[in-house]
Amino acid sequence: MEPRRVLSAGNGLTAANGISPEAVSARLRTRRPSGARRRGDDDLNPGLLDGLAATRDAAVLVPLIRRPDGLYVLLTRRTGHLAAHAGQIAFPGGRMEREDPDSVTTALREAREEVALDPAGVAVAGFLDPYVTRSGYRVRPVVGLVTPMHGLRRDPGEVAEIFEVPLAVFTEPGTRRTMGHTEAGTHRRYHEFAYGPHRIWGATAGMLVNLAEVLAEPAA
């Protein structure tokens, strides 16, 4: 499966966004050290993660596809029968296995398992801030520049759809919304991006906000 232009850009956005692969790599390589900084489900909900006893390590690949008209973000829609986050938009990824030496290994392994992305076609550009979820995962987002390739195919047990979104959808002003809903009597707020029929929210949107902020930072 080749996830090429599954959706139109829409919303007046163009695919070209002025951010080159070289600029992405340079920004991630030279950004100021984050120190103890992290992101998480409590970014817009202070106290949400209070009392979280422990976290399990996980990693996702943030695949940026090189296209002639700009960079595109590869995303997946999870199948509806999964026990957690069914039907939601996500990056390829999962928890670290005991034999994984680092988060890059985890991210590339999961991407191969979920969408058959060949690690040989991925150039790791750098990392975003760790993201802690209320389900108890500490996720390391690995940003990878991907050479366009044929033969991507989804794991039907986990992935319902593979698609691409222009990076501009996440970096241009005015595309991000702050939404909220009440859950178990508590109002929870979260970032959200809309693209065609897709609603990108939760941890995935939080990591994309982090990516947009990193790309907008002045060079260190």
N, C-alpha and C. Protein backbone atom coordinates (compact mmCIF):
# COMPACT_ATOMS: atom_id res chain seq x y z
N MET A 1 0.85 -1.20 0.00
CA MET A 1 0.00 0.00 0.00
C MET A 1 0.87 1.23 0.00
N GLU A 2 0.58 2.15 -0.89
CA GLU A 2 1.31 3.42 -0.94
C GLU A 2 0.38 4.53 -0.46
N PRO A 3 0.62 5.13 0.72
CA PRO A 3 -0.32 6.09 1.30
C PRO A 3 -0.15 7.48 0.68
N ARG A 4 -0.26 7.59 -0.64
CA ARG A 4 0.04 8.84 -1.33
C ARG A 4 -1.21 9.69 -1.47
N ARG A 5 -1.18 10.89 -0.93
CA ARG A 5 -2.25 11.86 -1.10
C ARG A 5 -3.63 11.24 -0.86
N VAL A 6 -3.76 10.58 0.25
CA VAL A 6 -5.05 9.97 0.56
C VAL A 6 -6.13 11.03 0.68
N LEU A 7 -5.74 12.21 1.17
CA LEU A 7 -6.68 13.30 1.37
C LEU A 7 -6.15 14.55 0.70
N SER A 8 -7.04 15.46 0.36
CA SER A 8 -6.59 16.75 -0.14
C SER A 8 -6.17 17.61 1.03
N ALA A 9 -5.34 18.63 0.75
CA ALA A 9 -4.83 19.47 1.84
C ALA A 9 -5.96 20.20 2.52
N GLY A 10 -6.86 20.83 1.74
CA GLY A 10 -8.01 21.49 2.34
C GLY A 10 -7.65 22.67 3.21
N ASN A 11 -8.64 23.36 3.72
CA ASN A 11 -8.47 24.47 4.66
C ASN A 11 -7.54 25.56 4.14
N GLY A 12 -7.36 25.64 2.82
CA GLY A 12 -6.50 26.66 2.27
C GLY A 12 -5.02 26.40 2.43
N LEU A 13 -4.64 25.23 2.94
CA LEU A 13 -3.24 24.92 3.17
C LEU A 13 -2.64 24.28 1.93
N THR A 14 -1.37 24.53 1.73
CA THR A 14 -0.64 23.85 0.67
C THR A 14 0.32 22.86 1.29
N ALA A 15 0.70 21.88 0.52
CA ALA A 15 1.62 20.87 1.06
C ALA A 15 2.98 21.48 1.36
N ALA A 16 3.46 22.36 0.46
CA ALA A 16 4.77 22.97 0.68
C ALA A 16 4.69 23.93 1.85
N ASN A 17 5.62 23.80 2.80
CA ASN A 17 5.52 24.64 3.99
C ASN A 17 6.82 25.35 4.30
N GLY A 18 7.78 25.27 3.40
CA GLY A 18 9.01 26.01 3.59
C GLY A 18 9.99 25.38 4.55
N ILE A 19 9.68 24.20 5.09
CA ILE A 19 10.58 23.53 6.01
C ILE A 19 11.23 22.37 5.25
N SER A 20 12.52 22.45 5.04
CA SER A 20 13.21 21.41 4.30
C SER A 20 13.63 20.28 5.25
N PRO A 21 13.88 19.10 4.72
CA PRO A 21 14.39 18.01 5.56
C PRO A 21 15.68 18.40 6.28
N GLU A 22 16.54 19.16 5.59
CA GLU A 22 17.80 19.58 6.19
C GLU A 22 17.55 20.51 7.37
N ALA A 23 16.53 21.38 7.24
CA ALA A 23 16.20 22.31 8.32
C ALA A 23 15.64 21.55 9.53
N VAL A 24 14.84 20.53 9.27
CA VAL A 24 14.30 19.72 10.36
C VAL A 24 15.44 19.06 11.13
N SER A 25 16.35 18.45 10.40
CA SER A 25 17.49 17.77 11.05
C SER A 25 18.33 18.75 11.85
N ALA A 26 18.59 19.92 11.26
CA ALA A 26 19.42 20.91 11.96
C ALA A 26 18.73 21.42 13.22
N ARG A 27 17.44 21.65 13.15
CA ARG A 27 16.72 22.16 14.33
C ARG A 27 16.71 21.14 15.45
N LEU A 28 16.48 19.89 15.13
CA LEU A 28 16.47 18.85 16.16
C LEU A 28 17.86 18.62 16.73
N ARG A 29 18.87 18.75 15.88
CA ARG A 29 20.25 18.50 16.32
C ARG A 29 20.78 19.62 17.20
N THR A 30 20.35 20.85 16.94
CA THR A 30 20.93 22.00 17.65
C THR A 30 20.01 22.60 18.70
N ARG A 31 18.82 22.01 18.90
CA ARG A 31 17.90 22.62 19.87
C ARG A 31 18.51 22.58 21.26
N ARG A 32 18.11 23.51 22.07
CA ARG A 32 18.64 23.63 23.42
C ARG A 32 18.30 22.38 24.23
N PRO A 33 19.18 21.92 25.10
CA PRO A 33 18.89 20.73 25.90
C PRO A 33 17.61 20.90 26.69
N SER A 34 16.80 19.85 26.73
CA SER A 34 15.50 19.95 27.39
C SER A 34 15.60 19.76 28.90
N GLY A 35 16.71 19.19 29.37
CA GLY A 35 16.82 18.97 30.81
C GLY A 35 15.73 18.04 31.31
N ALA A 36 15.00 18.50 32.32
CA ALA A 36 13.95 17.67 32.89
C ALA A 36 12.61 17.88 32.19
N ARG A 37 12.59 18.64 31.10
CA ARG A 37 11.34 18.96 30.43
C ARG A 37 10.70 17.70 29.86
N ARG A 38 9.41 17.62 29.98
CA ARG A 38 8.64 16.54 29.37
C ARG A 38 7.29 17.09 28.97
N ARG A 39 6.59 16.35 28.16
CA ARG A 39 5.22 16.65 27.79
C ARG A 39 4.33 15.54 28.32
N GLY A 40 3.02 15.75 28.26
CA GLY A 40 2.15 14.69 28.74
C GLY A 40 0.69 15.07 28.67
N ASP A 41 -0.15 14.12 29.06
CA ASP A 41 -1.59 14.35 29.07
C ASP A 41 -2.00 15.43 30.05
N ASP A 42 -1.07 15.83 30.93
CA ASP A 42 -1.37 16.89 31.89
C ASP A 42 -0.96 18.28 31.40
N ASP A 43 -0.50 18.40 30.14
CA ASP A 43 -0.09 19.71 29.63
C ASP A 43 -1.20 20.74 29.76
N LEU A 44 -2.41 20.35 29.44
CA LEU A 44 -3.56 21.25 29.53
C LEU A 44 -4.44 20.91 30.73
N ASN A 45 -4.00 19.94 31.53
CA ASN A 45 -4.81 19.47 32.66
C ASN A 45 -3.93 19.30 33.90
N PRO A 46 -3.57 20.39 34.56
CA PRO A 46 -2.69 20.30 35.73
C PRO A 46 -3.22 19.31 36.77
N GLY A 47 -2.33 18.43 37.23
CA GLY A 47 -2.72 17.46 38.25
C GLY A 47 -3.24 16.15 37.71
N LEU A 48 -3.45 16.06 36.39
CA LEU A 48 -4.04 14.85 35.83
C LEU A 48 -3.18 13.63 36.11
N LEU A 49 -1.85 13.80 36.12
CA LEU A 49 -0.95 12.67 36.31
C LEU A 49 -0.45 12.54 37.75
N ASP A 50 -0.97 13.36 38.64
CA ASP A 50 -0.57 13.24 40.04
C ASP A 50 -0.93 11.85 40.56
N GLY A 51 0.01 11.24 41.23
CA GLY A 51 -0.25 9.93 41.78
C GLY A 51 0.05 8.79 40.83
N LEU A 52 0.51 9.11 39.61
CA LEU A 52 0.89 8.05 38.69
C LEU A 52 2.12 7.35 39.26
N ALA A 53 1.96 6.11 39.66
CA ALA A 53 3.00 5.42 40.43
C ALA A 53 4.23 5.12 39.61
N ALA A 54 4.06 4.65 38.41
CA ALA A 54 5.21 4.24 37.59
C ALA A 54 4.84 4.35 36.13
N THR A 55 5.83 4.40 35.29
CA THR A 55 5.58 4.45 33.86
C THR A 55 6.38 3.35 33.16
N ARG A 56 5.83 2.89 32.05
CA ARG A 56 6.50 1.91 31.21
C ARG A 56 7.05 2.63 29.99
N ASP A 57 8.25 2.26 29.57
CA ASP A 57 8.89 2.92 28.44
C ASP A 57 8.27 2.47 27.13
N ALA A 58 8.08 3.43 26.24
CA ALA A 58 7.55 3.17 24.91
C ALA A 58 8.18 4.17 23.94
N ALA A 59 7.98 3.93 22.67
CA ALA A 59 8.51 4.83 21.65
C ALA A 59 7.59 4.82 20.45
N VAL A 60 7.54 5.95 19.74
CA VAL A 60 6.81 6.03 18.48
C VAL A 60 7.74 6.62 17.43
N LEU A 61 7.48 6.28 16.18
CA LEU A 61 8.18 6.92 15.08
C LEU A 61 7.31 8.03 14.54
N VAL A 62 7.88 9.23 14.42
CA VAL A 62 7.20 10.37 13.79
C VAL A 62 7.77 10.44 12.37
N PRO A 63 7.13 9.77 11.39
CA PRO A 63 7.72 9.66 10.06
C PRO A 63 7.39 10.89 9.21
N LEU A 64 8.42 11.58 8.74
CA LEU A 64 8.25 12.72 7.83
C LEU A 64 8.66 12.25 6.44
N ILE A 65 7.68 12.16 5.55
CA ILE A 65 7.90 11.64 4.21
C ILE A 65 8.39 12.76 3.29
N ARG A 66 9.50 12.52 2.64
CA ARG A 66 10.03 13.50 1.68
C ARG A 66 9.21 13.41 0.39
N ARG A 67 8.59 14.52 0.00
CA ARG A 67 7.87 14.60 -1.26
C ARG A 67 8.39 15.81 -2.03
N PRO A 68 8.23 15.84 -3.36
CA PRO A 68 8.71 17.00 -4.13
C PRO A 68 8.09 18.32 -3.69
N ASP A 69 6.86 18.28 -3.18
CA ASP A 69 6.19 19.52 -2.77
C ASP A 69 6.24 19.76 -1.27
N GLY A 70 7.07 19.05 -0.55
CA GLY A 70 7.20 19.30 0.88
C GLY A 70 7.19 18.02 1.70
N LEU A 71 7.22 18.20 3.01
CA LEU A 71 7.21 17.06 3.93
C LEU A 71 5.78 16.71 4.34
N TYR A 72 5.55 15.42 4.46
CA TYR A 72 4.25 14.90 4.89
C TYR A 72 4.46 14.02 6.12
N VAL A 73 3.50 14.05 7.03
CA VAL A 73 3.53 13.21 8.23
C VAL A 73 2.72 11.95 7.97
N LEU A 74 3.35 10.79 8.19
CA LEU A 74 2.63 9.53 8.05
C LEU A 74 1.96 9.20 9.37
N LEU A 75 0.66 8.91 9.30
CA LEU A 75 -0.13 8.58 10.47
C LEU A 75 -0.94 7.32 10.20
N THR A 76 -1.43 6.71 11.25
CA THR A 76 -2.29 5.54 11.12
C THR A 76 -3.58 5.76 11.90
N ARG A 77 -4.61 5.05 11.46
CA ARG A 77 -5.84 4.97 12.26
C ARG A 77 -5.93 3.57 12.83
N ARG A 78 -6.04 3.50 14.14
CA ARG A 78 -6.06 2.20 14.81
C ARG A 78 -7.39 1.49 14.56
N THR A 79 -7.33 0.17 14.57
CA THR A 79 -8.55 -0.59 14.34
C THR A 79 -9.54 -0.40 15.49
N GLY A 80 -10.80 -0.65 15.19
CA GLY A 80 -11.84 -0.37 16.16
C GLY A 80 -11.99 -1.40 17.26
N HIS A 81 -11.34 -2.55 17.13
CA HIS A 81 -11.53 -3.62 18.12
C HIS A 81 -10.46 -3.63 19.21
N LEU A 82 -9.47 -2.73 19.13
CA LEU A 82 -8.40 -2.73 20.12
C LEU A 82 -8.92 -2.33 21.49
N ALA A 83 -8.28 -2.85 22.52
CA ALA A 83 -8.73 -2.59 23.88
C ALA A 83 -8.47 -1.14 24.29
N ALA A 84 -7.40 -0.54 23.74
CA ALA A 84 -7.04 0.84 24.11
C ALA A 84 -6.94 1.70 22.87
N HIS A 85 -7.52 2.90 22.95
CA HIS A 85 -7.42 3.91 21.89
C HIS A 85 -7.94 3.40 20.55
N ALA A 86 -8.98 2.61 20.58
CA ALA A 86 -9.56 2.06 19.35
C ALA A 86 -10.03 3.18 18.44
N GLY A 87 -9.70 3.07 17.16
CA GLY A 87 -10.16 4.03 16.17
C GLY A 87 -9.45 5.37 16.17
N GLN A 88 -8.51 5.57 17.07
CA GLN A 88 -7.83 6.86 17.15
C GLN A 88 -6.67 6.94 16.17
N ILE A 89 -6.25 8.19 15.89
CA ILE A 89 -5.11 8.43 15.02
C ILE A 89 -3.83 8.33 15.85
N ALA A 90 -2.83 7.66 15.31
CA ALA A 90 -1.61 7.41 16.09
C ALA A 90 -0.40 7.34 15.16
N PHE A 91 0.78 7.48 15.76
CA PHE A 91 2.03 7.17 15.08
C PHE A 91 2.30 5.67 15.24
N PRO A 92 3.05 5.08 14.32
CA PRO A 92 3.50 3.71 14.57
C PRO A 92 4.35 3.68 15.84
N GLY A 93 4.10 2.72 16.70
CA GLY A 93 4.87 2.67 17.94
C GLY A 93 4.29 1.71 18.94
N GLY A 94 4.99 1.57 20.06
CA GLY A 94 4.53 0.68 21.12
C GLY A 94 5.54 0.65 22.24
N ARG A 95 5.34 -0.25 23.16
CA ARG A 95 6.20 -0.31 24.33
C ARG A 95 7.54 -0.96 24.00
N MET A 96 8.55 -0.58 24.74
CA MET A 96 9.87 -1.15 24.55
C MET A 96 9.89 -2.59 25.04
N GLU A 97 10.48 -3.45 24.25
CA GLU A 97 10.66 -4.84 24.65
C GLU A 97 12.00 -4.99 25.36
N ARG A 98 12.14 -6.04 26.13
CA ARG A 98 13.36 -6.24 26.93
C ARG A 98 14.61 -6.29 26.05
N GLU A 99 14.47 -6.79 24.83
CA GLU A 99 15.64 -6.93 23.96
C GLU A 99 15.95 -5.65 23.17
N ASP A 100 15.10 -4.63 23.27
CA ASP A 100 15.35 -3.38 22.55
C ASP A 100 16.42 -2.58 23.29
N PRO A 101 17.54 -2.25 22.66
CA PRO A 101 18.58 -1.50 23.36
C PRO A 101 18.26 -0.02 23.55
N ASP A 102 17.35 0.52 22.73
CA ASP A 102 17.05 1.95 22.84
C ASP A 102 15.72 2.25 22.17
N SER A 103 15.27 3.51 22.30
CA SER A 103 13.97 3.91 21.77
C SER A 103 13.94 3.90 20.24
N VAL A 104 15.08 4.15 19.59
CA VAL A 104 15.13 4.11 18.13
C VAL A 104 14.80 2.70 17.64
N THR A 105 15.39 1.71 18.28
CA THR A 105 15.11 0.32 17.92
C THR A 105 13.63 0.01 18.06
N THR A 106 13.04 0.45 19.17
CA THR A 106 11.62 0.20 19.39
C THR A 106 10.78 0.85 18.31
N ALA A 107 11.03 2.13 18.03
CA ALA A 107 10.23 2.87 17.06
C ALA A 107 10.32 2.24 15.67
N LEU A 108 11.52 1.89 15.25
CA LEU A 108 11.69 1.29 13.92
C LEU A 108 11.08 -0.10 13.84
N ARG A 109 11.21 -0.87 14.92
CA ARG A 109 10.62 -2.21 14.94
C ARG A 109 9.11 -2.13 14.82
N GLU A 110 8.51 -1.24 15.61
CA GLU A 110 7.05 -1.10 15.60
C GLU A 110 6.56 -0.61 14.24
N ALA A 111 7.30 0.33 13.62
CA ALA A 111 6.90 0.84 12.31
C ALA A 111 6.95 -0.27 11.25
N ARG A 112 7.94 -1.13 11.37
CA ARG A 112 8.01 -2.26 10.43
C ARG A 112 6.84 -3.21 10.67
N GLU A 113 6.52 -3.48 11.92
CA GLU A 113 5.44 -4.41 12.23
C GLU A 113 4.08 -3.85 11.83
N GLU A 114 3.85 -2.57 12.05
CA GLU A 114 2.52 -2.00 11.86
C GLU A 114 2.25 -1.58 10.42
N VAL A 115 3.26 -1.02 9.73
CA VAL A 115 3.02 -0.50 8.38
C VAL A 115 4.05 -1.00 7.36
N ALA A 116 4.89 -1.96 7.75
CA ALA A 116 5.92 -2.53 6.87
C ALA A 116 6.90 -1.48 6.37
N LEU A 117 7.22 -0.51 7.20
CA LEU A 117 8.19 0.51 6.83
C LEU A 117 9.60 -0.03 7.04
N ASP A 118 10.38 -0.07 5.95
CA ASP A 118 11.74 -0.61 6.00
C ASP A 118 12.64 0.37 6.75
N PRO A 119 13.28 -0.06 7.83
CA PRO A 119 14.18 0.84 8.57
C PRO A 119 15.28 1.43 7.71
N ALA A 120 15.66 0.73 6.63
CA ALA A 120 16.72 1.24 5.76
C ALA A 120 16.31 2.53 5.06
N GLY A 121 15.02 2.80 4.97
CA GLY A 121 14.55 4.01 4.33
C GLY A 121 14.31 5.16 5.29
N VAL A 122 14.71 4.99 6.55
CA VAL A 122 14.47 6.00 7.59
C VAL A 122 15.80 6.57 8.08
N ALA A 123 15.93 7.89 8.00
CA ALA A 123 17.08 8.57 8.58
C ALA A 123 16.63 9.27 9.86
N VAL A 124 17.11 8.81 11.01
CA VAL A 124 16.69 9.40 12.27
C VAL A 124 17.24 10.81 12.38
N ALA A 125 16.32 11.78 12.54
CA ALA A 125 16.71 13.19 12.60
C ALA A 125 16.90 13.67 14.03
N GLY A 126 16.23 13.04 14.98
CA GLY A 126 16.34 13.47 16.38
C GLY A 126 15.12 13.06 17.18
N PHE A 127 14.94 13.70 18.32
CA PHE A 127 13.91 13.30 19.26
C PHE A 127 13.09 14.51 19.71
N LEU A 128 11.84 14.25 20.03
CA LEU A 128 11.02 15.24 20.71
C LEU A 128 11.09 14.97 22.22
N ASP A 129 10.42 15.81 22.99
CA ASP A 129 10.42 15.62 24.44
C ASP A 129 9.65 14.34 24.80
N PRO A 130 10.06 13.64 25.85
CA PRO A 130 9.28 12.48 26.31
C PRO A 130 7.84 12.91 26.61
N TYR A 131 6.91 12.02 26.33
CA TYR A 131 5.48 12.31 26.55
C TYR A 131 4.92 11.23 27.47
N VAL A 132 4.34 11.67 28.61
CA VAL A 132 3.78 10.74 29.59
C VAL A 132 2.27 10.70 29.46
N THR A 133 1.74 9.50 29.32
CA THR A 133 0.30 9.34 29.18
C THR A 133 -0.33 8.92 30.52
N ARG A 134 -1.59 9.19 30.65
CA ARG A 134 -2.27 8.83 31.89
C ARG A 134 -2.44 7.32 32.01
N SER A 135 -2.25 6.60 30.90
CA SER A 135 -2.30 5.13 30.96
C SER A 135 -1.00 4.55 31.46
N GLY A 136 0.00 5.41 31.75
CA GLY A 136 1.21 4.94 32.40
C GLY A 136 2.38 4.66 31.49
N TYR A 137 2.40 5.30 30.31
CA TYR A 137 3.53 5.13 29.40
C TYR A 137 4.36 6.41 29.31
N ARG A 138 5.66 6.24 29.29
CA ARG A 138 6.58 7.34 29.01
C ARG A 138 7.09 7.10 27.58
N VAL A 139 6.57 7.90 26.65
CA VAL A 139 6.79 7.68 25.23
C VAL A 139 7.90 8.59 24.72
N ARG A 140 8.85 8.01 24.00
CA ARG A 140 9.90 8.83 23.37
C ARG A 140 9.58 8.92 21.88
N PRO A 141 9.26 10.11 21.38
CA PRO A 141 8.99 10.27 19.95
C PRO A 141 10.30 10.42 19.18
N VAL A 142 10.50 9.53 18.20
CA VAL A 142 11.68 9.52 17.36
C VAL A 142 11.30 10.08 15.99
N VAL A 143 11.89 11.20 15.60
CA VAL A 143 11.57 11.82 14.32
C VAL A 143 12.46 11.21 13.24
N GLY A 144 11.82 10.70 12.18
CA GLY A 144 12.57 10.08 11.10
C GLY A 144 12.20 10.67 9.75
N LEU A 145 13.20 11.00 8.94
CA LEU A 145 12.99 11.44 7.57
C LEU A 145 12.95 10.20 6.68
N VAL A 146 11.85 10.05 5.95
CA VAL A 146 11.59 8.81 5.24
C VAL A 146 11.65 9.02 3.73
N THR A 147 12.42 8.19 3.06
CA THR A 147 12.45 8.18 1.61
C THR A 147 11.18 7.52 1.10
N PRO A 148 10.44 8.18 0.17
CA PRO A 148 9.20 7.56 -0.33
C PRO A 148 9.46 6.16 -0.86
N MET A 149 8.57 5.26 -0.53
CA MET A 149 8.76 3.88 -0.95
C MET A 149 7.40 3.23 -1.20
N HIS A 150 7.41 2.24 -2.08
CA HIS A 150 6.22 1.44 -2.32
C HIS A 150 6.23 0.25 -1.36
N GLY A 151 5.10 -0.38 -1.26
CA GLY A 151 5.04 -1.61 -0.49
C GLY A 151 4.62 -1.44 0.95
N LEU A 152 4.28 -0.22 1.39
CA LEU A 152 3.75 -0.09 2.74
C LEU A 152 2.44 -0.85 2.83
N ARG A 153 2.26 -1.56 3.91
CA ARG A 153 1.02 -2.29 4.10
C ARG A 153 0.73 -2.34 5.60
N ARG A 154 -0.52 -2.31 5.91
CA ARG A 154 -0.92 -2.24 7.31
C ARG A 154 -1.05 -3.63 7.92
N ASP A 155 -0.78 -3.71 9.21
CA ASP A 155 -1.09 -4.90 9.98
C ASP A 155 -2.58 -4.83 10.31
N PRO A 156 -3.42 -5.69 9.72
CA PRO A 156 -4.87 -5.57 9.92
C PRO A 156 -5.31 -5.77 11.36
N GLY A 157 -4.45 -6.35 12.17
CA GLY A 157 -4.81 -6.53 13.57
C GLY A 157 -4.72 -5.25 14.38
N GLU A 158 -3.93 -4.27 13.89
CA GLU A 158 -3.72 -3.04 14.64
C GLU A 158 -4.08 -1.78 13.87
N VAL A 159 -3.93 -1.82 12.56
CA VAL A 159 -4.05 -0.60 11.75
C VAL A 159 -5.19 -0.72 10.75
N ALA A 160 -6.10 0.23 10.80
CA ALA A 160 -7.22 0.25 9.86
C ALA A 160 -6.90 1.05 8.62
N GLU A 161 -5.98 2.02 8.74
CA GLU A 161 -5.69 2.90 7.61
C GLU A 161 -4.33 3.55 7.79
N ILE A 162 -3.62 3.74 6.69
CA ILE A 162 -2.39 4.52 6.65
C ILE A 162 -2.65 5.73 5.78
N PHE A 163 -2.25 6.91 6.23
CA PHE A 163 -2.45 8.10 5.41
C PHE A 163 -1.39 9.14 5.71
N GLU A 164 -1.28 10.14 4.85
CA GLU A 164 -0.31 11.22 5.01
C GLU A 164 -1.02 12.55 5.15
N VAL A 165 -0.41 13.45 5.92
CA VAL A 165 -0.92 14.80 6.12
C VAL A 165 0.23 15.77 5.89
N PRO A 166 0.02 16.85 5.13
CA PRO A 166 1.10 17.83 4.96
C PRO A 166 1.57 18.36 6.31
N LEU A 167 2.87 18.46 6.48
CA LEU A 167 3.41 18.98 7.74
C LEU A 167 2.84 20.36 8.06
N ALA A 168 2.52 21.14 7.02
CA ALA A 168 1.97 22.48 7.23
C ALA A 168 0.69 22.48 8.06
N VAL A 169 -0.05 21.38 8.00
CA VAL A 169 -1.29 21.30 8.78
C VAL A 169 -1.00 21.47 10.27
N PHE A 170 0.18 21.06 10.70
CA PHE A 170 0.53 21.11 12.11
C PHE A 170 1.42 22.29 12.48
N THR A 171 1.99 22.95 11.49
CA THR A 171 2.93 24.04 11.80
C THR A 171 2.38 25.42 11.50
N GLU A 172 1.39 25.53 10.63
CA GLU A 172 0.88 26.85 10.29
C GLU A 172 -0.07 27.37 11.38
N PRO A 173 -0.06 28.68 11.63
CA PRO A 173 -0.91 29.25 12.68
C PRO A 173 -2.39 28.99 12.41
N GLY A 174 -3.14 28.80 13.48
CA GLY A 174 -4.59 28.68 13.37
C GLY A 174 -5.12 27.31 13.07
N THR A 175 -4.24 26.31 12.93
CA THR A 175 -4.71 24.96 12.61
C THR A 175 -5.00 24.13 13.85
N ARG A 176 -4.47 24.55 14.99
CA ARG A 176 -4.65 23.80 16.24
C ARG A 176 -5.85 24.32 17.01
N ARG A 177 -6.63 23.40 17.57
CA ARG A 177 -7.76 23.77 18.40
C ARG A 177 -7.58 23.18 19.80
N THR A 178 -8.13 23.85 20.79
CA THR A 178 -8.18 23.30 22.13
C THR A 178 -9.61 22.85 22.39
N MET A 179 -9.78 21.57 22.65
CA MET A 179 -11.09 20.98 22.84
C MET A 179 -11.19 20.43 24.26
N GLY A 180 -12.37 19.92 24.60
CA GLY A 180 -12.54 19.35 25.93
C GLY A 180 -13.76 18.45 26.00
N HIS A 181 -13.75 17.57 26.98
CA HIS A 181 -14.92 16.75 27.25
C HIS A 181 -14.90 16.36 28.73
N THR A 182 -16.05 15.97 29.21
CA THR A 182 -16.16 15.56 30.62
C THR A 182 -16.10 14.05 30.70
N GLU A 183 -15.25 13.59 31.58
CA GLU A 183 -15.03 12.15 31.73
C GLU A 183 -15.00 11.82 33.21
N ALA A 184 -15.89 10.94 33.64
CA ALA A 184 -15.99 10.55 35.05
C ALA A 184 -16.11 11.77 35.95
N GLY A 185 -16.88 12.75 35.50
CA GLY A 185 -17.12 13.94 36.29
C GLY A 185 -16.03 14.99 36.23
N THR A 186 -14.97 14.74 35.47
CA THR A 186 -13.86 15.67 35.37
C THR A 186 -13.74 16.19 33.95
N HIS A 187 -13.58 17.50 33.83
CA HIS A 187 -13.43 18.09 32.50
C HIS A 187 -11.98 18.01 32.06
N ARG A 188 -11.75 17.43 30.91
CA ARG A 188 -10.40 17.26 30.38
C ARG A 188 -10.25 18.04 29.08
N ARG A 189 -9.13 18.77 28.96
CA ARG A 189 -8.84 19.54 27.75
C ARG A 189 -7.72 18.86 26.97
N TYR A 190 -7.72 19.07 25.65
CA TYR A 190 -6.71 18.43 24.81
C TYR A 190 -6.56 19.21 23.50
N HIS A 191 -5.40 19.03 22.86
CA HIS A 191 -5.16 19.61 21.55
C HIS A 191 -5.86 18.76 20.49
N GLU A 192 -6.24 19.43 19.40
CA GLU A 192 -6.87 18.69 18.31
C GLU A 192 -6.55 19.38 16.98
N PHE A 193 -6.30 18.55 15.95
CA PHE A 193 -6.17 19.01 14.58
C PHE A 193 -7.22 18.28 13.75
N ALA A 194 -7.85 18.99 12.82
CA ALA A 194 -8.80 18.35 11.91
C ALA A 194 -8.21 18.33 10.52
N TYR A 195 -8.34 17.18 9.85
CA TYR A 195 -7.84 17.06 8.48
C TYR A 195 -8.74 16.10 7.74
N GLY A 196 -9.50 16.62 6.78
CA GLY A 196 -10.46 15.79 6.08
C GLY A 196 -11.39 15.14 7.09
N PRO A 197 -11.61 13.83 6.98
CA PRO A 197 -12.49 13.15 7.93
C PRO A 197 -11.81 12.80 9.24
N HIS A 198 -10.53 13.12 9.36
CA HIS A 198 -9.77 12.67 10.52
C HIS A 198 -9.71 13.72 11.62
N ARG A 199 -9.83 13.24 12.85
CA ARG A 199 -9.71 14.06 14.05
C ARG A 199 -8.48 13.56 14.80
N ILE A 200 -7.44 14.40 14.83
CA ILE A 200 -6.16 14.02 15.43
C ILE A 200 -6.08 14.70 16.79
N TRP A 201 -6.09 13.93 17.86
CA TRP A 201 -6.16 14.53 19.19
C TRP A 201 -5.36 13.68 20.17
N GLY A 202 -5.44 14.06 21.45
CA GLY A 202 -4.80 13.29 22.50
C GLY A 202 -3.29 13.34 22.42
N ALA A 203 -2.66 12.22 22.76
CA ALA A 203 -1.20 12.17 22.82
C ALA A 203 -0.57 12.45 21.47
N THR A 204 -1.17 11.95 20.38
CA THR A 204 -0.62 12.19 19.05
C THR A 204 -0.60 13.67 18.74
N ALA A 205 -1.70 14.36 19.02
CA ALA A 205 -1.74 15.81 18.79
C ALA A 205 -0.74 16.52 19.69
N GLY A 206 -0.61 16.07 20.93
CA GLY A 206 0.36 16.69 21.84
C GLY A 206 1.78 16.59 21.32
N MET A 207 2.13 15.45 20.75
CA MET A 207 3.48 15.29 20.18
C MET A 207 3.65 16.16 18.94
N LEU A 208 2.60 16.31 18.14
CA LEU A 208 2.67 17.16 16.96
C LEU A 208 2.80 18.64 17.35
N VAL A 209 2.16 19.03 18.44
CA VAL A 209 2.34 20.40 18.96
C VAL A 209 3.80 20.59 19.35
N ASN A 210 4.37 19.61 20.02
CA ASN A 210 5.78 19.67 20.41
C ASN A 210 6.67 19.80 19.17
N LEU A 211 6.39 19.02 18.11
CA LEU A 211 7.16 19.10 16.88
C LEU A 211 7.07 20.49 16.27
N ALA A 212 5.86 21.05 16.20
CA ALA A 212 5.67 22.38 15.64
C ALA A 212 6.43 23.42 16.43
N GLU A 213 6.42 23.30 17.75
CA GLU A 213 7.15 24.26 18.60
C GLU A 213 8.64 24.15 18.40
N VAL A 214 9.14 22.91 18.28
CA VAL A 214 10.57 22.71 18.05
C VAL A 214 11.00 23.34 16.73
N LEU A 215 10.21 23.13 15.69
CA LEU A 215 10.55 23.67 14.37
C LEU A 215 10.45 25.19 14.32
N ALA A 216 9.69 25.76 15.25
CA ALA A 216 9.56 27.22 15.28
C ALA A 216 10.59 27.89 16.19
N GLU A 217 11.33 27.09 16.97
CA GLU A 217 12.31 27.66 17.87
C GLU A 217 13.46 28.30 17.11
N PRO A 218 14.03 29.39 17.63
CA PRO A 218 15.26 29.91 17.02
C PRO A 218 16.38 28.93 17.19
N ALA A 219 17.28 28.89 16.22
CA ALA A 219 18.40 27.96 16.31
C ALA A 219 19.24 28.25 17.53
N ALA A 220 19.71 27.19 18.18
CA ALA A 220 20.52 27.36 19.40
C ALA A 220 21.88 27.91 19.06
